[in-house]
Amino acid sequence: MNIVTRGGIEFLAVLLGLSGSLWIDGIIKENEARKQNSEILTRLYDNLRADSLDGEWNRKAYERGIRGCKNILKWCDLNPNFSMIDDSVEKDISTMLIATFFGNNEEEYNSLKNSGKMHLINNKSLIRDLHRYYNLLNWTDYVDADTWRLSEEEVSPFLSNYADELYFNRNDTTKKNEVYSIYPKVNLVKLPEIEKLRFYASKKLWHHEHQARYYARIVGMVSMLRESIREELNL
């Protein structure tokens, strides 16, 4: 064997050895990336459970608001006087003040997105649906803030002209002054201006209906995402 042939064989051996080493190194790195993806998806799965619970709580709050506003509209059509105000009427009027925030955590999703390894997820529909869900949540802060603004800057000042208290005592186990969970009942001392009351009830009804549909959509998307993640992780 001449020196050229021997050199060629040695070069090929080195090349094959280097290629094999790089291939093995690539496999190790890919497996590590898949492991990290799985860990992030597991934490994301738990976060989405919290999203589901919070979203469903918000949906139910707005459903209570819908019932209350509809009852107010019917009550206003009776041409009521102050003697017709009772506990149930005050609770229905108080539902106009319902406004919620969505406390979602995007940390794990951002970790997954910024890792540059989302392509290692087997279910490509899961990637698309995750992007779609978190893009939807970018709108959440706006719609929630708009509902809070209406409640705090319009409805609350209006009702303050006819009430002397808006207070819920957490220690009261009878929940007499509770409208829905943490939302307290207004105590009316005068008959509200019926035309304006009806206007705000109809305006807030529209907001409540929109928010209830919105949070129902969020809960539905979370359920779909959690199912996809379970399949991805073989849970």
Protein backbone atom coordinates (compact mmCIF):
# COMPACT_ATOMS: atom_id res chain seq x y z
CA MET A 1 0.00 0.00 0.00
CA ASN A 2 1.55 3.29 -1.06
CA ILE A 3 1.63 6.39 1.06
CA VAL A 4 -1.12 8.09 -0.96
CA THR A 5 -3.52 5.20 -0.47
CA ARG A 6 -2.70 4.92 3.22
CA GLY A 7 -3.17 8.66 3.66
CA GLY A 8 -6.51 8.50 1.91
CA ILE A 9 -7.70 5.72 4.17
CA GLU A 10 -6.55 7.58 7.25
CA PHE A 11 -8.30 10.74 6.07
CA LEU A 12 -11.50 8.79 5.40
CA ALA A 13 -11.28 7.16 8.81
CA VAL A 14 -10.86 10.55 10.48
CA LEU A 15 -13.74 11.97 8.40
CA LEU A 16 -16.03 9.08 9.26
CA GLY A 17 -15.06 9.30 12.90
CA LEU A 18 -15.72 13.03 12.96
CA SER A 19 -19.02 12.62 11.13
CA GLY A 20 -20.09 9.87 13.50
CA SER A 21 -19.13 11.98 16.48
CA LEU A 22 -21.08 14.94 15.15
CA TRP A 23 -24.05 12.69 14.40
CA ILE A 24 -24.03 11.27 17.91
CA ASP A 25 -23.61 14.76 19.36
CA GLY A 26 -26.56 15.93 17.26
CA ILE A 27 -28.72 13.05 18.49
CA ILE A 28 -27.81 13.81 22.12
CA LYS A 29 -28.63 17.50 21.68
CA GLU A 30 -31.91 16.71 19.95
CA ASN A 31 -32.91 14.28 22.70
CA GLU A 32 -32.04 16.89 25.30
CA ALA A 33 -34.12 19.47 23.42
CA ARG A 34 -37.05 17.03 23.26
CA LYS A 35 -36.71 16.43 27.01
CA GLN A 36 -36.74 20.18 27.67
CA ASN A 37 -39.77 20.57 25.41
CA SER A 38 -41.57 17.84 27.35
CA GLU A 39 -40.76 19.50 30.66
CA ILE A 40 -42.03 22.86 29.40
CA LEU A 41 -45.18 21.26 27.93
CA THR A 42 -45.85 19.55 31.27
CA ARG A 43 -45.66 22.88 33.11
CA LEU A 44 -47.71 24.52 30.36
CA TYR A 45 -50.33 21.79 30.78
CA ASP A 46 -50.63 22.69 34.47
CA ASN A 47 -50.82 26.41 33.68
CA LEU A 48 -53.61 25.78 31.19
CA ARG A 49 -55.58 24.03 33.91
CA ALA A 50 -55.42 27.27 35.91
CA ASP A 51 -56.52 29.15 32.77
CA SER A 52 -59.49 26.83 32.45
CA LEU A 53 -60.57 27.35 36.07
CA ASP A 54 -60.13 31.13 35.86
CA GLY A 55 -61.86 31.33 32.49
CA GLU A 56 -64.83 29.30 33.72
CA TRP A 57 -65.10 31.46 36.86
CA ASN A 58 -65.17 34.58 34.69
CA ARG A 59 -67.74 33.07 32.32
CA LYS A 60 -70.06 32.25 35.22
CA ALA A 61 -69.63 35.76 36.63
CA TYR A 62 -70.78 37.26 33.33
CA GLU A 63 -73.64 34.75 33.07
CA ARG A 64 -74.80 36.07 36.45
CA GLY A 65 -74.46 39.58 35.05
CA ILE A 66 -76.62 38.65 32.06
CA ARG A 67 -79.41 37.32 34.28
CA GLY A 68 -79.23 40.38 36.50
CA CYS A 69 -79.36 42.90 33.65
CA LYS A 70 -82.27 41.11 31.99
CA ASN A 71 -84.16 41.16 35.30
CA ILE A 72 -83.46 44.90 35.68
CA LEU A 73 -84.83 45.63 32.20
CA LYS A 74 -88.06 43.76 33.04
CA TRP A 75 -88.28 45.55 36.40
CA CYS A 76 -87.82 48.97 34.79
CA ASP A 77 -90.71 48.23 32.42
CA LEU A 78 -93.01 47.94 35.46
CA ASN A 79 -92.66 51.68 36.14
CA PRO A 80 -91.45 50.86 39.66
CA ASN A 81 -91.38 53.00 42.80
CA PHE A 82 -89.03 52.81 45.79
CA SER A 83 -91.32 50.44 47.71
CA MET A 84 -90.75 47.84 44.97
CA ILE A 85 -87.02 47.64 45.74
CA ASP A 86 -86.09 44.49 47.63
CA ASP A 87 -82.98 42.37 48.17
CA SER A 88 -83.26 40.55 44.84
CA VAL A 89 -83.69 43.83 42.92
CA GLU A 90 -80.61 45.30 44.61
CA LYS A 91 -78.61 42.18 43.75
CA ASP A 92 -79.69 42.33 40.12
CA ILE A 93 -78.79 46.02 39.92
CA SER A 94 -75.42 45.23 41.49
CA THR A 95 -74.60 42.79 38.68
CA MET A 96 -74.03 45.81 36.45
CA LEU A 97 -70.78 46.31 38.37
CA ILE A 98 -69.39 42.87 37.54
CA ALA A 99 -66.06 43.07 35.71
CA THR A 100 -63.24 40.54 35.75
CA PHE A 101 -59.58 40.09 34.83
CA PHE A 102 -57.95 36.97 33.43
CA GLY A 103 -54.83 35.97 35.36
CA ASN A 104 -53.11 33.76 32.79
CA ASN A 105 -49.40 32.90 32.92
CA GLU A 106 -47.54 33.02 29.57
CA GLU A 107 -44.09 32.24 30.98
CA GLU A 108 -43.95 28.60 29.86
CA TYR A 109 -45.32 29.38 26.40
CA ASN A 110 -42.71 32.10 25.95
CA SER A 111 -39.99 29.67 27.09
CA LEU A 112 -41.15 27.16 24.51
CA LYS A 113 -41.38 29.77 21.77
CA ASN A 114 -38.00 31.31 22.55
CA SER A 115 -36.24 27.94 22.75
CA GLY A 116 -36.24 27.63 18.96
CA LYS A 117 -37.15 23.95 19.35
CA MET A 118 -40.91 24.02 18.79
CA HIS A 119 -40.35 22.11 15.53
CA LEU A 120 -39.52 19.04 17.64
CA ILE A 121 -43.16 18.84 18.76
CA ASN A 122 -44.70 15.95 16.84
CA ASN A 123 -48.22 17.38 16.66
CA LYS A 124 -47.90 20.37 14.33
CA SER A 125 -51.53 21.31 14.98
CA LEU A 126 -50.59 21.80 18.63
CA ILE A 127 -47.99 24.40 17.64
CA ARG A 128 -50.55 26.26 15.52
CA ASP A 129 -53.21 26.10 18.23
CA LEU A 130 -50.81 27.35 20.91
CA HIS A 131 -49.94 30.37 18.76
CA ARG A 132 -53.64 31.00 18.08
CA TYR A 133 -54.57 30.75 21.77
CA TYR A 134 -51.89 33.09 23.08
CA ASN A 135 -52.54 35.57 20.27
CA LEU A 136 -56.19 35.58 21.38
CA LEU A 137 -55.09 36.38 24.92
CA ASN A 138 -53.42 39.56 23.67
CA TRP A 139 -56.97 40.85 23.20
CA THR A 140 -58.05 39.82 26.70
CA ASP A 141 -56.44 42.73 28.54
CA TYR A 142 -58.23 45.21 26.27
CA VAL A 143 -61.73 43.76 26.57
CA ASP A 144 -61.37 43.28 30.33
CA ALA A 145 -60.09 46.83 30.80
CA ASP A 146 -62.98 48.18 28.73
CA THR A 147 -65.49 46.36 30.94
CA TRP A 148 -63.78 47.65 34.09
CA ARG A 149 -63.82 51.18 32.71
CA LEU A 150 -67.55 51.01 32.06
CA SER A 151 -68.21 49.63 35.54
CA GLU A 152 -65.97 52.01 37.46
CA GLU A 153 -66.29 55.21 35.43
CA GLU A 154 -69.95 55.10 34.40
CA VAL A 155 -72.13 52.61 36.27
CA SER A 156 -70.59 53.00 39.74
CA PRO A 157 -70.81 56.85 39.76
CA PHE A 158 -74.42 56.61 38.58
CA LEU A 159 -75.42 54.16 41.34
CA SER A 160 -73.54 56.14 43.99
CA ASN A 161 -76.21 58.85 43.64
CA TYR A 162 -78.83 56.46 45.02
CA ALA A 163 -76.90 54.20 47.42
CA ASP A 164 -75.09 54.51 50.72
CA GLU A 165 -73.14 51.26 50.74
CA LEU A 166 -71.41 48.70 48.57
CA TYR A 167 -69.82 46.26 50.96
CA PHE A 168 -69.43 42.51 51.25
CA ASN A 169 -68.37 41.01 54.56
CA ARG A 170 -66.39 37.81 53.92
CA ASN A 171 -67.08 36.68 57.49
CA ASP A 172 -70.82 36.67 56.88
CA THR A 173 -71.47 32.99 56.11
CA THR A 174 -75.05 33.75 55.03
CA LYS A 175 -73.65 35.61 52.01
CA LYS A 176 -76.61 37.98 52.31
CA ASN A 177 -74.75 40.80 50.57
CA GLU A 178 -73.05 38.65 47.96
CA VAL A 179 -74.14 39.06 44.34
CA TYR A 180 -71.68 36.59 42.84
CA SER A 181 -68.66 35.26 44.73
CA ILE A 182 -66.58 38.35 45.62
CA TYR A 183 -69.04 40.89 44.17
CA PRO A 184 -71.02 42.83 46.80
CA LYS A 185 -74.59 44.13 46.77
CA VAL A 186 -75.38 47.83 46.57
CA ASN A 187 -77.68 49.23 49.26
CA LEU A 188 -80.17 51.64 47.68
CA VAL A 189 -81.62 54.52 49.70
CA LYS A 190 -83.40 56.23 46.78
CA LEU A 191 -85.09 55.11 43.60
CA PRO A 192 -82.62 55.34 40.71
CA GLU A 193 -83.57 57.35 37.64
CA ILE A 194 -85.34 54.58 35.75
CA GLU A 195 -84.50 55.75 32.22
CA LYS A 196 -80.78 55.86 33.01
CA LEU A 197 -80.93 52.61 34.98
CA ARG A 198 -82.51 50.92 31.99
CA PHE A 199 -79.89 52.41 29.68
CA TYR A 200 -76.97 51.18 31.77
CA ALA A 201 -78.59 47.77 32.23
CA SER A 202 -78.93 47.37 28.47
CA LYS A 203 -75.39 48.62 27.87
CA LYS A 204 -73.91 46.33 30.50
CA LEU A 205 -76.01 43.42 29.22
CA TRP A 206 -74.25 43.74 25.87
CA HIS A 207 -70.85 43.72 27.60
CA HIS A 208 -71.78 40.75 29.78
CA GLU A 209 -72.98 38.74 26.80
CA HIS A 210 -69.81 39.51 24.85
CA GLN A 211 -67.56 38.60 27.79
CA ALA A 212 -69.46 35.38 28.52
CA ARG A 213 -69.02 34.26 24.90
CA TYR A 214 -65.36 35.30 24.98
CA TYR A 215 -64.55 33.30 28.09
CA ALA A 216 -66.53 30.31 26.85
CA ARG A 217 -64.27 30.38 23.79
CA ILE A 218 -61.15 30.56 25.98
CA VAL A 219 -62.30 27.60 28.08
CA GLY A 220 -63.05 25.61 24.93
CA MET A 221 -59.61 26.33 23.46
CA VAL A 222 -57.89 25.40 26.73
CA SER A 223 -59.71 22.07 26.80
CA MET A 224 -58.57 21.34 23.23
CA LEU A 225 -54.97 22.34 23.99
CA ARG A 226 -54.78 20.20 27.12
CA GLU A 227 -56.05 17.21 25.15
CA SER A 228 -53.40 17.77 22.46
CA ILE A 229 -50.66 18.12 25.07
CA ARG A 230 -51.78 14.90 26.76
CA GLU A 231 -51.42 13.10 23.43
CA GLU A 232 -48.02 14.69 22.80
CA LEU A 233 -46.74 13.63 26.22
CA ASN A 234 -48.58 10.28 26.25
CA LEU A 235 -50.20 11.18 29.55
